[in-house]
Amino acid sequence: MLGHLMNNSWRLGTKVPFNEKAGSFGDNKDAAEHFLKLHSIMRDGVGIPENGAEYVVGPWLRFDAETERHVGDHAEAANVLLKDTNREGFRIPEPGQV
């Protein structure tokens, strides 16, 4: 479930240059710290060049586990992504069709 929720943020994100200033995390020091660690690993360990590469940085989303809906900023757009239409051939049948 957590992976799907993170994917929702990514899908709502925007492309930004691959550099240490790409993340906008406001006063969330933990997010900023982890972003800088990730950037360092990708630049120094993996070898992604800072010239020409991009990140996709999504918005910070909040999720209410009781209602199983996003709440707060970006909730309307994020809630649309909670149930995607199934691709043809991969539809989940209704209980009466099983």
N, C-alpha and C. Protein backbone atom coordinates (compact mmCIF):
# COMPACT_ATOMS: atom_id res chain seq x y z
N MET A 1 0.82 -1.19 0.00
CA MET A 1 0.00 0.00 0.00
C MET A 1 0.87 1.26 0.00
N LEU A 2 1.91 1.25 0.83
CA LEU A 2 2.76 2.43 0.91
C LEU A 2 3.41 2.74 -0.43
N GLY A 3 3.81 1.70 -1.14
CA GLY A 3 4.40 1.91 -2.47
C GLY A 3 3.44 2.59 -3.42
N HIS A 4 2.17 2.21 -3.38
CA HIS A 4 1.16 2.85 -4.23
C HIS A 4 0.98 4.32 -3.86
N LEU A 5 0.99 4.61 -2.57
CA LEU A 5 0.82 5.99 -2.13
C LEU A 5 2.01 6.85 -2.55
N MET A 6 3.21 6.30 -2.47
CA MET A 6 4.39 7.05 -2.93
C MET A 6 4.31 7.28 -4.43
N ASN A 7 3.82 6.28 -5.16
CA ASN A 7 3.67 6.41 -6.60
C ASN A 7 2.69 7.52 -6.95
N ASN A 8 1.65 7.70 -6.13
CA ASN A 8 0.70 8.78 -6.38
C ASN A 8 1.41 10.13 -6.33
N SER A 9 2.28 10.34 -5.36
CA SER A 9 3.03 11.59 -5.27
C SER A 9 3.91 11.75 -6.51
N TRP A 10 4.59 10.70 -6.89
CA TRP A 10 5.46 10.77 -8.08
C TRP A 10 4.65 11.14 -9.32
N ARG A 11 3.47 10.52 -9.48
CA ARG A 11 2.65 10.78 -10.67
C ARG A 11 2.12 12.21 -10.70
N LEU A 12 2.01 12.86 -9.56
CA LEU A 12 1.58 14.25 -9.49
C LEU A 12 2.77 15.22 -9.52
N GLY A 13 3.97 14.68 -9.58
CA GLY A 13 5.18 15.49 -9.48
C GLY A 13 5.53 16.23 -10.75
N THR A 14 6.57 17.02 -10.64
CA THR A 14 7.08 17.78 -11.76
C THR A 14 8.58 17.48 -11.91
N LYS A 15 9.06 17.61 -13.14
CA LYS A 15 10.48 17.40 -13.41
C LYS A 15 11.27 18.62 -12.94
N VAL A 16 12.37 18.34 -12.28
CA VAL A 16 13.27 19.39 -11.81
C VAL A 16 14.70 18.95 -12.12
N PRO A 17 15.62 19.90 -12.24
CA PRO A 17 17.01 19.54 -12.54
C PRO A 17 17.60 18.65 -11.45
N PHE A 18 18.49 17.76 -11.87
CA PHE A 18 19.18 16.85 -10.94
C PHE A 18 20.27 17.64 -10.22
N ASN A 19 19.92 18.24 -9.10
CA ASN A 19 20.90 18.92 -8.27
C ASN A 19 20.41 18.95 -6.83
N GLU A 20 21.24 19.40 -5.93
CA GLU A 20 20.91 19.38 -4.51
C GLU A 20 19.79 20.33 -4.13
N LYS A 21 19.44 21.27 -5.00
CA LYS A 21 18.39 22.24 -4.71
C LYS A 21 17.04 21.82 -5.29
N ALA A 22 16.95 20.63 -5.87
CA ALA A 22 15.74 20.19 -6.56
C ALA A 22 14.56 19.99 -5.62
N GLY A 23 14.81 19.50 -4.44
CA GLY A 23 13.71 19.20 -3.51
C GLY A 23 13.23 20.44 -2.80
N SER A 24 11.92 20.57 -2.68
CA SER A 24 11.32 21.66 -1.93
C SER A 24 10.52 21.04 -0.80
N PHE A 25 11.07 21.06 0.41
CA PHE A 25 10.46 20.32 1.51
C PHE A 25 10.01 21.22 2.65
N GLY A 26 9.97 22.53 2.41
CA GLY A 26 9.53 23.45 3.44
C GLY A 26 10.29 23.25 4.73
N ASP A 27 9.58 23.08 5.84
CA ASP A 27 10.23 22.92 7.12
C ASP A 27 10.40 21.46 7.52
N ASN A 28 10.23 20.53 6.57
CA ASN A 28 10.38 19.11 6.86
C ASN A 28 11.87 18.74 6.76
N LYS A 29 12.55 18.85 7.87
CA LYS A 29 14.01 18.63 7.89
C LYS A 29 14.36 17.18 7.57
N ASP A 30 13.53 16.22 8.02
CA ASP A 30 13.81 14.81 7.72
C ASP A 30 13.77 14.55 6.22
N ALA A 31 12.75 15.07 5.54
CA ALA A 31 12.65 14.87 4.09
C ALA A 31 13.84 15.50 3.37
N ALA A 32 14.21 16.71 3.78
CA ALA A 32 15.36 17.37 3.15
C ALA A 32 16.64 16.58 3.37
N GLU A 33 16.84 16.07 4.58
CA GLU A 33 18.04 15.30 4.89
C GLU A 33 18.11 14.02 4.05
N HIS A 34 16.99 13.30 3.95
CA HIS A 34 16.98 12.06 3.17
C HIS A 34 17.15 12.33 1.68
N PHE A 35 16.57 13.44 1.21
CA PHE A 35 16.75 13.80 -0.19
C PHE A 35 18.23 14.05 -0.49
N LEU A 36 18.91 14.78 0.38
CA LEU A 36 20.33 15.06 0.15
C LEU A 36 21.17 13.79 0.18
N LYS A 37 20.82 12.85 1.05
CA LYS A 37 21.54 11.56 1.08
C LYS A 37 21.31 10.81 -0.23
N LEU A 38 20.05 10.77 -0.68
CA LEU A 38 19.74 10.09 -1.94
C LEU A 38 20.49 10.75 -3.09
N HIS A 39 20.50 12.06 -3.12
CA HIS A 39 21.18 12.78 -4.20
C HIS A 39 22.67 12.42 -4.21
N SER A 40 23.27 12.39 -3.04
CA SER A 40 24.69 12.06 -2.94
C SER A 40 24.97 10.65 -3.47
N ILE A 41 24.12 9.71 -3.10
CA ILE A 41 24.29 8.33 -3.57
C ILE A 41 24.14 8.24 -5.08
N MET A 42 23.13 8.92 -5.61
CA MET A 42 22.90 8.86 -7.06
C MET A 42 24.01 9.55 -7.84
N ARG A 43 24.53 10.66 -7.31
CA ARG A 43 25.60 11.40 -7.98
C ARG A 43 26.94 10.69 -7.83
N ASP A 44 27.31 10.38 -6.59
CA ASP A 44 28.64 9.85 -6.33
C ASP A 44 28.73 8.33 -6.47
N GLY A 45 27.71 7.63 -6.01
CA GLY A 45 27.75 6.17 -6.03
C GLY A 45 27.33 5.57 -7.36
N VAL A 46 26.25 6.11 -7.92
CA VAL A 46 25.72 5.58 -9.19
C VAL A 46 26.36 6.26 -10.37
N GLY A 47 26.75 7.51 -10.19
CA GLY A 47 27.43 8.23 -11.27
C GLY A 47 26.53 9.03 -12.18
N ILE A 48 25.36 9.40 -11.70
CA ILE A 48 24.47 10.23 -12.53
C ILE A 48 25.06 11.63 -12.58
N PRO A 49 25.29 12.16 -13.78
CA PRO A 49 25.87 13.50 -13.89
C PRO A 49 24.84 14.58 -13.55
N GLU A 50 25.29 15.63 -12.90
CA GLU A 50 24.36 16.70 -12.54
C GLU A 50 23.95 17.56 -13.74
N ASN A 51 24.66 17.44 -14.83
CA ASN A 51 24.34 18.22 -16.01
C ASN A 51 23.43 17.43 -16.94
N GLY A 52 22.18 17.82 -17.05
CA GLY A 52 21.26 17.20 -18.00
C GLY A 52 20.30 16.19 -17.42
N ALA A 53 20.54 15.66 -16.24
CA ALA A 53 19.63 14.69 -15.64
C ALA A 53 18.51 15.42 -14.89
N GLU A 54 17.44 14.70 -14.60
CA GLU A 54 16.29 15.30 -13.92
C GLU A 54 15.76 14.37 -12.82
N TYR A 55 15.10 14.97 -11.87
CA TYR A 55 14.31 14.26 -10.87
C TYR A 55 12.83 14.51 -11.19
N VAL A 56 11.98 13.67 -10.66
CA VAL A 56 10.56 13.99 -10.55
C VAL A 56 10.28 14.12 -9.07
N VAL A 57 9.89 15.32 -8.64
CA VAL A 57 9.61 15.58 -7.24
C VAL A 57 8.11 15.80 -7.09
N GLY A 58 7.49 14.91 -6.31
CA GLY A 58 6.05 15.00 -6.10
C GLY A 58 5.69 15.76 -4.84
N PRO A 59 4.42 16.11 -4.72
CA PRO A 59 4.00 16.84 -3.54
C PRO A 59 3.94 15.94 -2.31
N TRP A 60 4.01 16.56 -1.14
CA TRP A 60 3.86 15.85 0.13
C TRP A 60 2.38 15.54 0.26
N LEU A 61 2.03 14.27 0.37
CA LEU A 61 0.62 13.86 0.47
C LEU A 61 0.33 13.32 1.86
N ARG A 62 -0.87 13.57 2.32
CA ARG A 62 -1.33 13.01 3.59
C ARG A 62 -2.45 12.03 3.28
N PHE A 63 -2.49 10.92 4.02
CA PHE A 63 -3.46 9.85 3.76
C PHE A 63 -4.15 9.48 5.05
N ASP A 64 -5.48 9.41 5.00
CA ASP A 64 -6.28 9.01 6.15
C ASP A 64 -6.57 7.51 6.01
N ALA A 65 -5.96 6.69 6.85
CA ALA A 65 -6.10 5.24 6.74
C ALA A 65 -7.52 4.77 7.05
N GLU A 66 -8.25 5.51 7.87
CA GLU A 66 -9.63 5.10 8.20
C GLU A 66 -10.57 5.27 7.02
N THR A 67 -10.45 6.38 6.31
CA THR A 67 -11.32 6.61 5.15
C THR A 67 -10.69 6.10 3.86
N GLU A 68 -9.40 5.77 3.92
CA GLU A 68 -8.63 5.32 2.75
C GLU A 68 -8.69 6.36 1.63
N ARG A 69 -8.49 7.62 2.02
CA ARG A 69 -8.50 8.74 1.08
C ARG A 69 -7.36 9.69 1.44
N HIS A 70 -6.85 10.38 0.42
CA HIS A 70 -5.90 11.46 0.67
C HIS A 70 -6.66 12.64 1.24
N VAL A 71 -6.00 13.39 2.11
CA VAL A 71 -6.60 14.58 2.71
C VAL A 71 -5.60 15.73 2.61
N GLY A 72 -6.10 16.95 2.70
CA GLY A 72 -5.22 18.10 2.69
C GLY A 72 -4.85 18.53 1.27
N ASP A 73 -3.71 19.20 1.18
CA ASP A 73 -3.24 19.71 -0.11
C ASP A 73 -3.09 18.57 -1.12
N HIS A 74 -3.51 18.80 -2.34
CA HIS A 74 -3.38 17.87 -3.46
C HIS A 74 -4.30 16.65 -3.34
N ALA A 75 -5.21 16.64 -2.34
CA ALA A 75 -6.05 15.46 -2.10
C ALA A 75 -6.94 15.14 -3.28
N GLU A 76 -7.54 16.14 -3.90
CA GLU A 76 -8.47 15.87 -5.00
C GLU A 76 -7.77 15.13 -6.14
N ALA A 77 -6.62 15.62 -6.55
CA ALA A 77 -5.88 14.98 -7.65
C ALA A 77 -5.36 13.61 -7.24
N ALA A 78 -4.89 13.49 -6.01
CA ALA A 78 -4.33 12.22 -5.53
C ALA A 78 -5.40 11.16 -5.38
N ASN A 79 -6.60 11.54 -4.95
CA ASN A 79 -7.67 10.55 -4.77
C ASN A 79 -8.12 9.94 -6.10
N VAL A 80 -7.99 10.69 -7.18
CA VAL A 80 -8.31 10.15 -8.50
C VAL A 80 -7.40 8.96 -8.81
N LEU A 81 -6.17 8.99 -8.30
CA LEU A 81 -5.19 7.95 -8.60
C LEU A 81 -5.34 6.70 -7.73
N LEU A 82 -6.20 6.75 -6.72
CA LEU A 82 -6.33 5.60 -5.83
C LEU A 82 -6.90 4.38 -6.53
N LYS A 83 -7.74 4.57 -7.52
CA LYS A 83 -8.33 3.44 -8.25
C LYS A 83 -8.25 3.72 -9.73
N ASP A 84 -7.17 3.27 -10.34
CA ASP A 84 -7.03 3.41 -11.78
C ASP A 84 -7.92 2.42 -12.51
N THR A 85 -8.29 2.78 -13.70
CA THR A 85 -9.01 1.84 -14.55
C THR A 85 -8.07 0.70 -14.90
N ASN A 86 -8.55 -0.52 -14.80
CA ASN A 86 -7.71 -1.68 -15.13
C ASN A 86 -7.50 -1.76 -16.64
N ARG A 87 -6.30 -2.19 -17.02
CA ARG A 87 -6.01 -2.35 -18.44
C ARG A 87 -6.82 -3.52 -19.00
N GLU A 88 -7.13 -3.44 -20.27
CA GLU A 88 -7.86 -4.50 -20.96
C GLU A 88 -7.12 -5.82 -20.78
N GLY A 89 -7.84 -6.87 -20.42
CA GLY A 89 -7.23 -8.17 -20.20
C GLY A 89 -6.78 -8.38 -18.77
N PHE A 90 -6.77 -7.33 -17.96
CA PHE A 90 -6.33 -7.43 -16.57
C PHE A 90 -7.41 -6.91 -15.62
N ARG A 91 -8.64 -7.05 -16.02
CA ARG A 91 -9.75 -6.56 -15.22
C ARG A 91 -10.02 -7.53 -14.06
N ILE A 92 -10.39 -6.97 -12.92
CA ILE A 92 -10.77 -7.77 -11.78
C ILE A 92 -12.28 -8.01 -11.91
N PRO A 93 -12.71 -9.25 -11.96
CA PRO A 93 -14.14 -9.51 -12.16
C PRO A 93 -14.95 -9.13 -10.94
N GLU A 94 -16.18 -8.75 -11.17
CA GLU A 94 -17.12 -8.49 -10.09
C GLU A 94 -17.44 -9.81 -9.42
N PRO A 95 -17.81 -9.79 -8.13
CA PRO A 95 -18.08 -11.06 -7.42
C PRO A 95 -19.07 -11.98 -8.13
N GLY A 96 -20.09 -11.44 -8.77
CA GLY A 96 -21.07 -12.25 -9.47
C GLY A 96 -20.56 -12.88 -10.75
N GLN A 97 -19.37 -12.47 -11.22
CA GLN A 97 -18.81 -12.99 -12.46
C GLN A 97 -17.79 -14.08 -12.23
N VAL A 98 -17.54 -14.43 -10.99
CA VAL A 98 -16.51 -15.42 -10.67
C VAL A 98 -17.11 -16.81 -10.66
